[in-house]
Each structure stands twice: as C-alpha cells, then as structure tokens.
Amino acid sequence: MKTVKELDFVIFVIHALAEAWQRPPSDVYARLASSGVLTRYIIPCYDVLHTLGRQYLVEDITACVREWEGVA
C-alpha cells in the first residue's frame, strides 16, 4: 500500500513531466506506466527521489524513460 505522500509525489512528477514534455498528464502517465518507469523506478525509489529538485527529476526521469523505451 502506498502512502498519501508517495501518491502526492507521483502526481507531482507526472505534472512536472507533462509541463516539460508539453503533453497532457494522462499521456505522461500512460508513457510512465507502459515503460515500467512508474512501478520499477519512481515508486520504489521514492525515498531518494522525493529529496531531489524538480528540474533534476524531470531530466533524470526523461532519460530513464528514453532508455527503457530504447529511444536513447
């Protein structure tokens, strides 16, 4: 079971990426879910990731999605 803080963080990340990628949050969520980044990186690494700044998170997660999708 995820805590409210973890869920709030996931929502924050989705909206930060949506702004950076200029895509609707629903598209960002779908991409994070389909690539596995949401369940294999963002949620499990919450303890570390939530301490990082917005810009770093956007860059890190964008690179991760590209790599995991084979787009890098």
PDB file of N, CA and C in Angstrom:
ATOM      1  N   MET A   1       0.843  -1.181   0.000  1.00  0.00           N
ATOM      2  CA  MET A   1       0.000   0.000   0.000  1.00  0.00           C
ATOM      3  C   MET A   1       0.887   1.242   0.000  1.00  0.00           C
ATOM      4  N   LYS A   2       0.606   2.153  -0.862  1.00  0.00           N
ATOM      5  CA  LYS A   2       1.367   3.404  -0.969  1.00  0.00           C
ATOM      6  C   LYS A   2       0.779   4.443  -0.022  1.00  0.00           C
ATOM      7  N   THR A   3       1.659   5.266   0.508  1.00  0.00           N
ATOM      8  CA  THR A   3       1.210   6.326   1.405  1.00  0.00           C
ATOM      9  C   THR A   3       0.686   7.506   0.586  1.00  0.00           C
ATOM     10  N   VAL A   4      -0.007   8.391   1.265  1.00  0.00           N
ATOM     11  CA  VAL A   4      -0.513   9.600   0.614  1.00  0.00           C
ATOM     12  C   VAL A   4       0.656  10.436   0.089  1.00  0.00           C
ATOM     13  N   LYS A   5       1.752  10.488   0.843  1.00  0.00           N
ATOM     14  CA  LYS A   5       2.919  11.250   0.409  1.00  0.00           C
ATOM     15  C   LYS A   5       3.500  10.680  -0.883  1.00  0.00           C
ATOM     16  N   GLU A   6       3.551   9.362  -0.990  1.00  0.00           N
ATOM     17  CA  GLU A   6       4.065   8.737  -2.210  1.00  0.00           C
ATOM     18  C   GLU A   6       3.154   9.034  -3.401  1.00  0.00           C
ATOM     19  N   LEU A   7       1.862   8.953  -3.183  1.00  0.00           N
ATOM     20  CA  LEU A   7       0.916   9.241  -4.256  1.00  0.00           C
ATOM     21  C   LEU A   7       0.970  10.716  -4.663  1.00  0.00           C
ATOM     22  N   ASP A   8       1.094  11.601  -3.691  1.00  0.00           N
ATOM     23  CA  ASP A   8       1.254  13.030  -3.993  1.00  0.00           C
ATOM     24  C   ASP A   8       2.509  13.259  -4.831  1.00  0.00           C
ATOM     25  N   PHE A   9       3.585  12.555  -4.489  1.00  0.00           N
ATOM     26  CA  PHE A   9       4.837  12.696  -5.226  1.00  0.00           C
ATOM     27  C   PHE A   9       4.674  12.224  -6.670  1.00  0.00           C
ATOM     28  N   VAL A  10       4.012  11.101  -6.868  1.00  0.00           N
ATOM     29  CA  VAL A  10       3.785  10.588  -8.223  1.00  0.00           C
ATOM     30  C   VAL A  10       2.993  11.612  -9.039  1.00  0.00           C
ATOM     31  N   ILE A  11       1.986  12.198  -8.445  1.00  0.00           N
ATOM     32  CA  ILE A  11       1.186  13.218  -9.136  1.00  0.00           C
ATOM     33  C   ILE A  11       2.050  14.435  -9.465  1.00  0.00           C
ATOM     34  N   PHE A  12       2.880  14.862  -8.523  1.00  0.00           N
ATOM     35  CA  PHE A  12       3.801  15.973  -8.761  1.00  0.00           C
ATOM     36  C   PHE A  12       4.717  15.674  -9.948  1.00  0.00           C
ATOM     37  N   VAL A  13       5.288  14.478  -9.974  1.00  0.00           N
ATOM     38  CA  VAL A  13       6.202  14.090 -11.054  1.00  0.00           C
ATOM     39  C   VAL A  13       5.467  14.074 -12.394  1.00  0.00           C
ATOM     40  N   ILE A  14       4.293  13.508 -12.426  1.00  0.00           N
ATOM     41  CA  ILE A  14       3.525  13.446 -13.676  1.00  0.00           C
ATOM     42  C   ILE A  14       3.250  14.851 -14.197  1.00  0.00           C
ATOM     43  N   HIS A  15       2.864  15.753 -13.334  1.00  0.00           N
ATOM     44  CA  HIS A  15       2.571  17.124 -13.777  1.00  0.00           C
ATOM     45  C   HIS A  15       3.835  17.882 -14.182  1.00  0.00           C
ATOM     46  N   ALA A  16       4.932  17.645 -13.488  1.00  0.00           N
ATOM     47  CA  ALA A  16       6.201  18.281 -13.873  1.00  0.00           C
ATOM     48  C   ALA A  16       6.646  17.792 -15.250  1.00  0.00           C
ATOM     49  N   LEU A  17       6.517  16.496 -15.498  1.00  0.00           N
ATOM     50  CA  LEU A  17       6.873  15.948 -16.807  1.00  0.00           C
ATOM     51  C   LEU A  17       5.909  16.433 -17.887  1.00  0.00           C
ATOM     52  N   ALA A  18       4.634  16.523 -17.559  1.00  0.00           N
ATOM     53  CA  ALA A  18       3.641  16.996 -18.525  1.00  0.00           C
ATOM     54  C   ALA A  18       3.981  18.404 -18.993  1.00  0.00           C
ATOM     55  N   GLU A  19       4.390  19.238 -18.063  1.00  0.00           N
ATOM     56  CA  GLU A  19       4.781  20.606 -18.420  1.00  0.00           C
ATOM     57  C   GLU A  19       6.044  20.603 -19.283  1.00  0.00           C
ATOM     58  N   ALA A  20       7.029  19.822 -18.895  1.00  0.00           N
ATOM     59  CA  ALA A  20       8.296  19.776 -19.628  1.00  0.00           C
ATOM     60  C   ALA A  20       8.129  19.156 -21.014  1.00  0.00           C
ATOM     61  N   TRP A  21       7.318  18.130 -21.108  1.00  0.00           N
ATOM     62  CA  TRP A  21       7.116  17.431 -22.379  1.00  0.00           C
ATOM     63  C   TRP A  21       6.017  18.062 -23.228  1.00  0.00           C
ATOM     64  N   GLN A  22       5.314  19.017 -22.656  1.00  0.00           N
ATOM     65  CA  GLN A  22       4.182  19.668 -23.313  1.00  0.00           C
ATOM     66  C   GLN A  22       3.157  18.636 -23.803  1.00  0.00           C
ATOM     67  N   ARG A  23       2.808  17.755 -22.871  1.00  0.00           N
ATOM     68  CA  ARG A  23       1.832  16.698 -23.129  1.00  0.00           C
ATOM     69  C   ARG A  23       0.817  16.695 -21.995  1.00  0.00           C
ATOM     70  N   PRO A  24      -0.379  16.190 -22.224  1.00  0.00           N
ATOM     71  CA  PRO A  24      -1.356  16.073 -21.135  1.00  0.00           C
ATOM     72  C   PRO A  24      -0.861  15.072 -20.081  1.00  0.00           C
ATOM     73  N   PRO A  25      -1.198  15.311 -18.819  1.00  0.00           N
ATOM     74  CA  PRO A  25      -0.791  14.373 -17.767  1.00  0.00           C
ATOM     75  C   PRO A  25      -1.214  12.932 -18.044  1.00  0.00           C
ATOM     76  N   SER A  26      -2.351  12.730 -18.669  1.00  0.00           N
ATOM     77  CA  SER A  26      -2.797  11.366 -18.975  1.00  0.00           C
ATOM     78  C   SER A  26      -1.827  10.669 -19.932  1.00  0.00           C
ATOM     79  N   ASP A  27      -1.272  11.402 -20.901  1.00  0.00           N
ATOM     80  CA  ASP A  27      -0.276  10.832 -21.820  1.00  0.00           C
ATOM     81  C   ASP A  27       1.013  10.490 -21.080  1.00  0.00           C
ATOM     82  N   VAL A  28       1.419  11.375 -20.182  1.00  0.00           N
ATOM     83  CA  VAL A  28       2.641  11.144 -19.395  1.00  0.00           C
ATOM     84  C   VAL A  28       2.464   9.904 -18.530  1.00  0.00           C
ATOM     85  N   TYR A  29       1.328   9.812 -17.853  1.00  0.00           N
ATOM     86  CA  TYR A  29       1.062   8.635 -17.018  1.00  0.00           C
ATOM     87  C   TYR A  29       1.121   7.362 -17.848  1.00  0.00           C
ATOM     88  N   ALA A  30       0.493   7.373 -19.006  1.00  0.00           N
ATOM     89  CA  ALA A  30       0.480   6.186 -19.863  1.00  0.00           C
ATOM     90  C   ALA A  30       1.902   5.800 -20.281  1.00  0.00           C
ATOM     91  N   ARG A  31       2.717   6.783 -20.599  1.00  0.00           N
ATOM     92  CA  ARG A  31       4.095   6.504 -21.012  1.00  0.00           C
ATOM     93  C   ARG A  31       4.919   5.964 -19.843  1.00  0.00           C
ATOM     94  N   LEU A  32       4.757   6.553 -18.663  1.00  0.00           N
ATOM     95  CA  LEU A  32       5.476   6.061 -17.486  1.00  0.00           C
ATOM     96  C   LEU A  32       5.044   4.634 -17.142  1.00  0.00           C
ATOM     97  N   ALA A  33       3.762   4.383 -17.245  1.00  0.00           N
ATOM     98  CA  ALA A  33       3.243   3.053 -16.925  1.00  0.00           C
ATOM     99  C   ALA A  33       3.702   2.013 -17.946  1.00  0.00           C
ATOM    100  N   SER A  34       3.615   2.338 -19.222  1.00  0.00           N
ATOM    101  CA  SER A  34       3.963   1.360 -20.255  1.00  0.00           C
ATOM    102  C   SER A  34       5.460   1.066 -20.303  1.00  0.00           C
ATOM    103  N   SER A  35       6.278   2.043 -19.954  1.00  0.00           N
ATOM    104  CA  SER A  35       7.727   1.830 -19.951  1.00  0.00           C
ATOM    105  C   SER A  35       8.197   1.119 -18.688  1.00  0.00           C
ATOM    106  N   GLY A  36       7.364   1.075 -17.671  1.00  0.00           N
ATOM    107  CA  GLY A  36       7.737   0.459 -16.404  1.00  0.00           C
ATOM    108  C   GLY A  36       8.433   1.404 -15.447  1.00  0.00           C
ATOM    109  N   VAL A  37       8.686   2.625 -15.879  1.00  0.00           N
ATOM    110  CA  VAL A  37       9.399   3.590 -15.048  1.00  0.00           C
ATOM    111  C   VAL A  37       8.607   3.910 -13.782  1.00  0.00           C
ATOM    112  N   LEU A  38       7.309   3.953 -13.892  1.00  0.00           N
ATOM    113  CA  LEU A  38       6.483   4.290 -12.727  1.00  0.00           C
ATOM    114  C   LEU A  38       6.603   3.227 -11.635  1.00  0.00           C
ATOM    115  N   THR A  39       6.413   1.975 -12.002  1.00  0.00           N
ATOM    116  CA  THR A  39       6.382   0.903 -10.998  1.00  0.00           C
ATOM    117  C   THR A  39       7.744   0.331 -10.649  1.00  0.00           C
ATOM    118  N   ARG A  40       8.732   0.519 -11.525  1.00  0.00           N
ATOM    119  CA  ARG A  40      10.060  -0.049 -11.254  1.00  0.00           C
ATOM    120  C   ARG A  40      11.100   0.987 -10.860  1.00  0.00           C
ATOM    121  N   TYR A  41      10.747   2.283 -10.927  1.00  0.00           N
ATOM    122  CA  TYR A  41      11.724   3.314 -10.576  1.00  0.00           C
ATOM    123  C   TYR A  41      11.131   4.387  -9.660  1.00  0.00           C
ATOM    124  N   ILE A  42      10.107   5.082 -10.126  1.00  0.00           N
ATOM    125  CA  ILE A  42       9.590   6.228  -9.365  1.00  0.00           C
ATOM    126  C   ILE A  42       9.034   5.796  -8.006  1.00  0.00           C
ATOM    127  N   ILE A  43       8.160   4.823  -7.999  1.00  0.00           N
ATOM    128  CA  ILE A  43       7.546   4.401  -6.736  1.00  0.00           C
ATOM    129  C   ILE A  43       8.556   3.708  -5.815  1.00  0.00           C
ATOM    130  N   PRO A  44       9.324   2.732  -6.302  1.00  0.00           N
ATOM    131  CA  PRO A  44      10.273   2.079  -5.390  1.00  0.00           C
ATOM    132  C   PRO A  44      11.377   3.002  -4.862  1.00  0.00           C
ATOM    133  N   CYS A  45      11.736   4.016  -5.630  1.00  0.00           N
ATOM    134  CA  CYS A  45      12.830   4.917  -5.242  1.00  0.00           C
ATOM    135  C   CYS A  45      12.328   6.218  -4.638  1.00  0.00           C
ATOM    136  N   TYR A  46      11.093   6.230  -4.200  1.00  0.00           N
ATOM    137  CA  TYR A  46      10.501   7.437  -3.621  1.00  0.00           C
ATOM    138  C   TYR A  46      11.384   8.051  -2.543  1.00  0.00           C
ATOM    139  N   ASP A  47      11.930   7.219  -1.648  1.00  0.00           N
ATOM    140  CA  ASP A  47      12.716   7.737  -0.519  1.00  0.00           C
ATOM    141  C   ASP A  47      13.864   8.633  -0.975  1.00  0.00           C
ATOM    142  N   VAL A  48      14.482   8.300  -2.083  1.00  0.00           N
ATOM    143  CA  VAL A  48      15.589   9.104  -2.603  1.00  0.00           C
ATOM    144  C   VAL A  48      15.067  10.209  -3.523  1.00  0.00           C
ATOM    145  N   LEU A  49      14.184   9.850  -4.435  1.00  0.00           N
ATOM    146  CA  LEU A  49      13.727  10.798  -5.452  1.00  0.00           C
ATOM    147  C   LEU A  49      13.014  12.014  -4.856  1.00  0.00           C
ATOM    148  N   HIS A  50      12.253  11.830  -3.803  1.00  0.00           N
ATOM    149  CA  HIS A  50      11.469  12.959  -3.282  1.00  0.00           C
ATOM    150  C   HIS A  50      12.355  14.050  -2.663  1.00  0.00           C
ATOM    151  N   THR A  51      13.617  13.761  -2.475  1.00  0.00           N
ATOM    152  CA  THR A  51      14.529  14.767  -1.917  1.00  0.00           C
ATOM    153  C   THR A  51      15.192  15.617  -3.000  1.00  0.00           C
ATOM    154  N   LEU A  52      14.967  15.280  -4.257  1.00  0.00           N
ATOM    155  CA  LEU A  52      15.636  15.954  -5.368  1.00  0.00           C
ATOM    156  C   LEU A  52      14.790  17.102  -5.918  1.00  0.00           C
ATOM    157  N   GLY A  53      15.420  17.996  -6.611  1.00  0.00           N
ATOM    158  CA  GLY A  53      14.732  19.144  -7.192  1.00  0.00           C
ATOM    159  C   GLY A  53      13.933  18.783  -8.435  1.00  0.00           C
ATOM    160  N   ARG A  54      12.975  19.637  -8.740  1.00  0.00           N
ATOM    161  CA  ARG A  54      12.071  19.421  -9.866  1.00  0.00           C
ATOM    162  C   ARG A  54      12.821  19.248 -11.189  1.00  0.00           C
ATOM    163  N   GLN A  55      13.751  20.155 -11.501  1.00  0.00           N
ATOM    164  CA  GLN A  55      14.465  20.090 -12.776  1.00  0.00           C
ATOM    165  C   GLN A  55      15.279  18.800 -12.897  1.00  0.00           C
ATOM    166  N   TYR A  56      15.941  18.427 -11.805  1.00  0.00           N
ATOM    167  CA  TYR A  56      16.719  17.187 -11.829  1.00  0.00           C
ATOM    168  C   TYR A  56      15.803  15.990 -12.050  1.00  0.00           C
ATOM    169  N   LEU A  57      14.664  15.958 -11.363  1.00  0.00           N
ATOM    170  CA  LEU A  57      13.716  14.860 -11.542  1.00  0.00           C
ATOM    171  C   LEU A  57      13.244  14.755 -12.982  1.00  0.00           C
ATOM    172  N   VAL A  58      12.906  15.891 -13.573  1.00  0.00           N
ATOM    173  CA  VAL A  58      12.439  15.892 -14.960  1.00  0.00           C
ATOM    174  C   VAL A  58      13.524  15.329 -15.881  1.00  0.00           C
ATOM    175  N   GLU A  59      14.751  15.803 -15.719  1.00  0.00           N
ATOM    176  CA  GLU A  59      15.846  15.332 -16.574  1.00  0.00           C
ATOM    177  C   GLU A  59      16.137  13.851 -16.346  1.00  0.00           C
ATOM    178  N   ASP A  60      16.190  13.440 -15.093  1.00  0.00           N
ATOM    179  CA  ASP A  60      16.502  12.056 -14.754  1.00  0.00           C
ATOM    180  C   ASP A  60      15.426  11.098 -15.252  1.00  0.00           C
ATOM    181  N   ILE A  61      14.184  11.417 -14.994  1.00  0.00           N
ATOM    182  CA  ILE A  61      13.096  10.520 -15.385  1.00  0.00           C
ATOM    183  C   ILE A  61      12.918  10.525 -16.902  1.00  0.00           C
ATOM    184  N   THR A  62      13.119  11.656 -17.550  1.00  0.00           N
ATOM    185  CA  THR A  62      13.061  11.703 -19.017  1.00  0.00           C
ATOM    186  C   THR A  62      14.123  10.784 -19.610  1.00  0.00           C
ATOM    187  N   ALA A  63      15.335  10.860 -19.092  1.00  0.00           N
ATOM    188  CA  ALA A  63      16.420   9.989 -19.585  1.00  0.00           C
ATOM    189  C   ALA A  63      16.093   8.526 -19.319  1.00  0.00           C
ATOM    190  N   CYS A  64      15.537   8.254 -18.172  1.00  0.00           N
ATOM    191  CA  CYS A  64      15.177   6.884 -17.815  1.00  0.00           C
ATOM    192  C   CYS A  64      14.104   6.331 -18.763  1.00  0.00           C
ATOM    193  N   VAL A  65      13.090   7.121 -19.036  1.00  0.00           N
ATOM    194  CA  VAL A  65      12.022   6.686 -19.941  1.00  0.00           C
ATOM    195  C   VAL A  65      12.597   6.409 -21.329  1.00  0.00           C
ATOM    196  N   ARG A  66      13.420   7.298 -21.830  1.00  0.00           N
ATOM    197  CA  ARG A  66      14.027   7.109 -23.147  1.00  0.00           C
ATOM    198  C   ARG A  66      14.861   5.838 -23.198  1.00  0.00           C
ATOM    199  N   GLU A  67      15.637   5.627 -22.163  1.00  0.00           N
ATOM    200  CA  GLU A  67      16.496   4.428 -22.118  1.00  0.00           C
ATOM    201  C   GLU A  67      15.657   3.158 -22.053  1.00  0.00           C
ATOM    202  N   TRP A  68      14.651   3.162 -21.187  1.00  0.00           N
ATOM    203  CA  TRP A  68      13.839   1.961 -21.007  1.00  0.00           C
ATOM    204  C   TRP A  68      12.945   1.694 -22.207  1.00  0.00           C
ATOM    205  N   GLU A  69      12.627   2.727 -22.972  1.00  0.00           N
ATOM    206  CA  GLU A  69      11.843   2.528 -24.196  1.00  0.00           C
ATOM    207  C   GLU A  69      12.750   2.202 -25.381  1.00  0.00           C
ATOM    208  N   GLY A  70      14.062   2.284 -25.172  1.00  0.00           N
ATOM    209  CA  GLY A  70      15.000   2.029 -26.263  1.00  0.00           C
ATOM    210  C   GLY A  70      15.140   3.178 -27.221  1.00  0.00           C
ATOM    211  N   VAL A  71      14.790   4.408 -26.762  1.00  0.00           N
ATOM    212  CA  VAL A  71      14.834   5.589 -27.606  1.00  0.00           C
ATOM    213  C   VAL A  71      16.137   6.341 -27.443  1.00  0.00           C
ATOM    214  N   ALA A  72      16.875   6.046 -26.387  1.00  0.00           N
ATOM    215  CA  ALA A  72      18.113   6.788 -26.082  1.00  0.00           C
ATOM    216  C   ALA A  72      19.042   6.735 -27.213  1.00  0.00           C
TER     217      ALA A  72
END
